[in-house]
Structure formats: structure tokens, C-alpha cells
Amino acid sequence: MKLYDYVLSPSCYKVRLMAALVGVKMEIRPVDFHPGAEHRSLEFMALNPAGSIPILEDGDLILTESAAMLPTSPPRLRQSGWAAARRKKQRASSSGFRSHTG
């Protein structure tokens, strides 16, 4: 699993944090975002036409939005149990907010 990363990006930080919390090791590929604008190179535009980071690459799976990376959890993250624990916690917290209208 490879994360194209810019150390000052809050979106990249969220993905690095999630991986650290669940114990998934990732190859970090630093991107010269500023001032180099490496994210606008042909290599990166082929991965993500929007030219944004983070980009998470896991075999044939490429995710380009941190909001999609966190809940989607690529196969290695699903195997860690993180996604199941998260769903269980969400169900428990949402069950107390059911509307009782009469």
C-alpha cells in the first residue's frame, strides 16, 4: 500500500493517522507539492486527474479522496478489524437518537 503524501496536508495526515491507529504499514511517497508542483506532473495526473493529494494506491485500487479512504478502508484495513469496530460504535451511538413521534 502506497500513500502519496505531503507532510503539511491535513488530508494526508488523516490517512497516516488512521493507518497508524490500525497498525497498517504503508510506503510513504513524499510529493513535492509546494513549491515543486509535482502533483501536477503527468505521473500524478494519470493517477488523479484532479491533481490533488492524498493518493492511496493498493494494487489496482486507487483512492484519491481522504474522505473516501477512511470509511472505504482498502482490504488490508478491513482485515485489521478497524472498520468493523467503527461500524459497531456508530450503531451504538446512533441507537440512542431514534425519533419517537406519536
C-alpha atoms as a PDB file:
ATOM      1  CA  MET A   1       0.000   0.000   0.000  1.00  0.00           C
ATOM      2  CA  LYS A   2       1.476   3.343  -1.051  1.00  0.00           C
ATOM      3  CA  LEU A   3       0.425   6.801   0.121  1.00  0.00           C
ATOM      4  CA  TYR A   4       1.413   9.775  -1.997  1.00  0.00           C
ATOM      5  CA  ASP A   5       1.893  12.263   0.801  1.00  0.00           C
ATOM      6  CA  TYR A   6       2.602  15.904   1.559  1.00  0.00           C
ATOM      7  CA  VAL A   7       3.586  16.247   5.194  1.00  0.00           C
ATOM      8  CA  LEU A   8       1.730  19.558   5.712  1.00  0.00           C
ATOM      9  CA  SER A   9      -1.554  18.334   4.211  1.00  0.00           C
ATOM     10  CA  PRO A  10      -4.314  17.765   6.786  1.00  0.00           C
ATOM     11  CA  SER A  11      -5.937  15.233   4.437  1.00  0.00           C
ATOM     12  CA  CYS A  12      -2.731  13.224   4.179  1.00  0.00           C
ATOM     13  CA  TYR A  13      -2.321  13.414   7.950  1.00  0.00           C
ATOM     14  CA  LYS A  14      -5.762  11.828   8.476  1.00  0.00           C
ATOM     15  CA  VAL A  15      -4.804   8.870   6.320  1.00  0.00           C
ATOM     16  CA  ARG A  16      -1.405   8.437   8.019  1.00  0.00           C
ATOM     17  CA  LEU A  17      -3.088   8.614  11.422  1.00  0.00           C
ATOM     18  CA  MET A  18      -5.729   6.030  10.504  1.00  0.00           C
ATOM     19  CA  ALA A  19      -3.072   3.617   9.261  1.00  0.00           C
ATOM     20  CA  ALA A  20      -1.008   4.105  12.417  1.00  0.00           C
ATOM     21  CA  LEU A  21      -4.035   3.513  14.646  1.00  0.00           C
ATOM     22  CA  VAL A  22      -4.880   0.216  12.993  1.00  0.00           C
ATOM     23  CA  GLY A  23      -1.259  -0.875  12.615  1.00  0.00           C
ATOM     24  CA  VAL A  24      -1.113  -0.900   8.824  1.00  0.00           C
ATOM     25  CA  LYS A  25       2.295  -0.154   7.364  1.00  0.00           C
ATOM     26  CA  MET A  26       2.307   1.968   4.234  1.00  0.00           C
ATOM     27  CA  GLU A  27       5.007   3.023   1.859  1.00  0.00           C
ATOM     28  CA  ILE A  28       5.062   6.813   2.068  1.00  0.00           C
ATOM     29  CA  ARG A  29       5.879   8.524  -1.205  1.00  0.00           C
ATOM     30  CA  PRO A  30       6.666  12.196  -0.454  1.00  0.00           C
ATOM     31  CA  VAL A  31       5.319  14.635  -3.023  1.00  0.00           C
ATOM     32  CA  ASP A  32       6.996  17.995  -3.689  1.00  0.00           C
ATOM     33  CA  PHE A  33       3.675  19.810  -3.522  1.00  0.00           C
ATOM     34  CA  HIS A  34       4.969  23.317  -2.867  1.00  0.00           C
ATOM     35  CA  PRO A  35       6.902  24.890  -4.477  1.00  0.00           C
ATOM     36  CA  GLY A  36       7.656  21.998  -6.871  1.00  0.00           C
ATOM     37  CA  ALA A  37       4.056  21.335  -8.010  1.00  0.00           C
ATOM     38  CA  GLU A  38       4.982  17.681  -8.541  1.00  0.00           C
ATOM     39  CA  HIS A  39       1.300  16.811  -8.094  1.00  0.00           C
ATOM     40  CA  ARG A  40       0.668  18.434 -11.486  1.00  0.00           C
ATOM     41  CA  SER A  41       3.138  16.162 -13.312  1.00  0.00           C
ATOM     42  CA  LEU A  42       1.970  13.651 -15.908  1.00  0.00           C
ATOM     43  CA  GLU A  43       2.709  10.768 -13.484  1.00  0.00           C
ATOM     44  CA  PHE A  44       0.345  12.177 -10.857  1.00  0.00           C
ATOM     45  CA  MET A  45      -2.300  13.373 -13.269  1.00  0.00           C
ATOM     46  CA  ALA A  46      -2.511   9.778 -14.557  1.00  0.00           C
ATOM     47  CA  LEU A  47      -3.317   8.632 -11.003  1.00  0.00           C
ATOM     48  CA  ASN A  48      -5.600  11.539 -10.142  1.00  0.00           C
ATOM     49  CA  PRO A  49      -6.760  13.896 -12.910  1.00  0.00           C
ATOM     50  CA  ALA A  50      -7.799  16.432 -10.267  1.00  0.00           C
ATOM     51  CA  GLY A  51      -4.129  16.787  -9.334  1.00  0.00           C
ATOM     52  CA  SER A  52      -4.827  16.602  -5.607  1.00  0.00           C
ATOM     53  CA  ILE A  53      -3.351  14.561  -2.798  1.00  0.00           C
ATOM     54  CA  PRO A  54      -3.503  12.254  -0.920  1.00  0.00           C
ATOM     55  CA  ILE A  55      -3.495   9.326  -3.299  1.00  0.00           C
ATOM     56  CA  LEU A  56      -3.678   5.850  -1.804  1.00  0.00           C
ATOM     57  CA  GLU A  57      -2.584   3.037  -4.086  1.00  0.00           C
ATOM     58  CA  ASP A  58      -3.128  -0.594  -3.093  1.00  0.00           C
ATOM     59  CA  GLY A  59      -2.550  -2.841  -6.094  1.00  0.00           C
ATOM     60  CA  ASP A  60      -5.227  -1.996  -8.663  1.00  0.00           C
ATOM     61  CA  LEU A  61      -7.211   0.096  -6.174  1.00  0.00           C
ATOM     62  CA  ILE A  62      -6.516   3.841  -6.293  1.00  0.00           C
ATOM     63  CA  LEU A  63      -8.318   6.226  -3.951  1.00  0.00           C
ATOM     64  CA  THR A  64      -7.901   9.973  -4.361  1.00  0.00           C
ATOM     65  CA  GLU A  65     -10.015  11.490  -1.590  1.00  0.00           C
ATOM     66  CA  SER A  66      -9.233  11.127   2.110  1.00  0.00           C
ATOM     67  CA  ALA A  67     -12.971  11.142   2.836  1.00  0.00           C
ATOM     68  CA  ALA A  68     -13.259   8.008   0.684  1.00  0.00           C
ATOM     69  CA  MET A  69     -10.115   6.415   2.122  1.00  0.00           C
ATOM     70  CA  LEU A  70     -11.255   6.476   5.730  1.00  0.00           C
ATOM     71  CA  PRO A  71     -14.669   4.751   5.554  1.00  0.00           C
ATOM     72  CA  THR A  72     -13.924   2.611   2.495  1.00  0.00           C
ATOM     73  CA  SER A  73     -10.844   1.071   4.085  1.00  0.00           C
ATOM     74  CA  PRO A  74      -8.923  -0.920   1.500  1.00  0.00           C
ATOM     75  CA  PRO A  75      -8.778  -4.718   2.005  1.00  0.00           C
ATOM     76  CA  ARG A  76      -5.780  -4.659   4.330  1.00  0.00           C
ATOM     77  CA  LEU A  77      -7.537  -2.188   6.621  1.00  0.00           C
ATOM     78  CA  ARG A  78     -10.768  -4.206   6.616  1.00  0.00           C
ATOM     79  CA  GLN A  79      -8.756  -7.218   7.744  1.00  0.00           C
ATOM     80  CA  SER A  80      -7.401  -5.219  10.683  1.00  0.00           C
ATOM     81  CA  GLY A  81     -10.849  -5.074  12.280  1.00  0.00           C
ATOM     82  CA  TRP A  82     -10.863  -1.267  12.347  1.00  0.00           C
ATOM     83  CA  ALA A  83     -13.840  -0.904  10.010  1.00  0.00           C
ATOM     84  CA  ALA A  84     -15.986  -3.422  11.924  1.00  0.00           C
ATOM     85  CA  ALA A  85     -15.217  -1.766  15.255  1.00  0.00           C
ATOM     86  CA  ARG A  86     -16.079   1.623  13.745  1.00  0.00           C
ATOM     87  CA  ARG A  87     -19.434   0.388  12.408  1.00  0.00           C
ATOM     88  CA  LYS A  88     -20.278  -1.180  15.781  1.00  0.00           C
ATOM     89  CA  LYS A  89     -19.501   2.084  17.554  1.00  0.00           C
ATOM     90  CA  GLN A  90     -21.607   4.071  15.062  1.00  0.00           C
ATOM     91  CA  ARG A  91     -24.580   1.722  15.518  1.00  0.00           C
ATOM     92  CA  ALA A  92     -24.309   2.008  19.290  1.00  0.00           C
ATOM     93  CA  SER A  93     -24.152   5.800  19.261  1.00  0.00           C
ATOM     94  CA  SER A  94     -26.946   6.250  16.701  1.00  0.00           C
ATOM     95  CA  SER A  95     -29.348   3.889  18.508  1.00  0.00           C
ATOM     96  CA  GLY A  96     -29.790   6.476  21.265  1.00  0.00           C
ATOM     97  CA  PHE A  97     -31.004   9.107  18.799  1.00  0.00           C
ATOM     98  CA  ARG A  98     -34.060   7.376  17.421  1.00  0.00           C
ATOM     99  CA  SER A  99     -37.008   9.619  16.896  1.00  0.00           C
ATOM    100  CA  HIS A 100     -40.106   8.731  18.921  1.00  0.00           C
ATOM    101  CA  THR A 101     -43.016  10.565  17.421  1.00  0.00           C
ATOM    102  CA  GLY A 102     -46.552   9.754  18.229  1.00  0.00           C
END
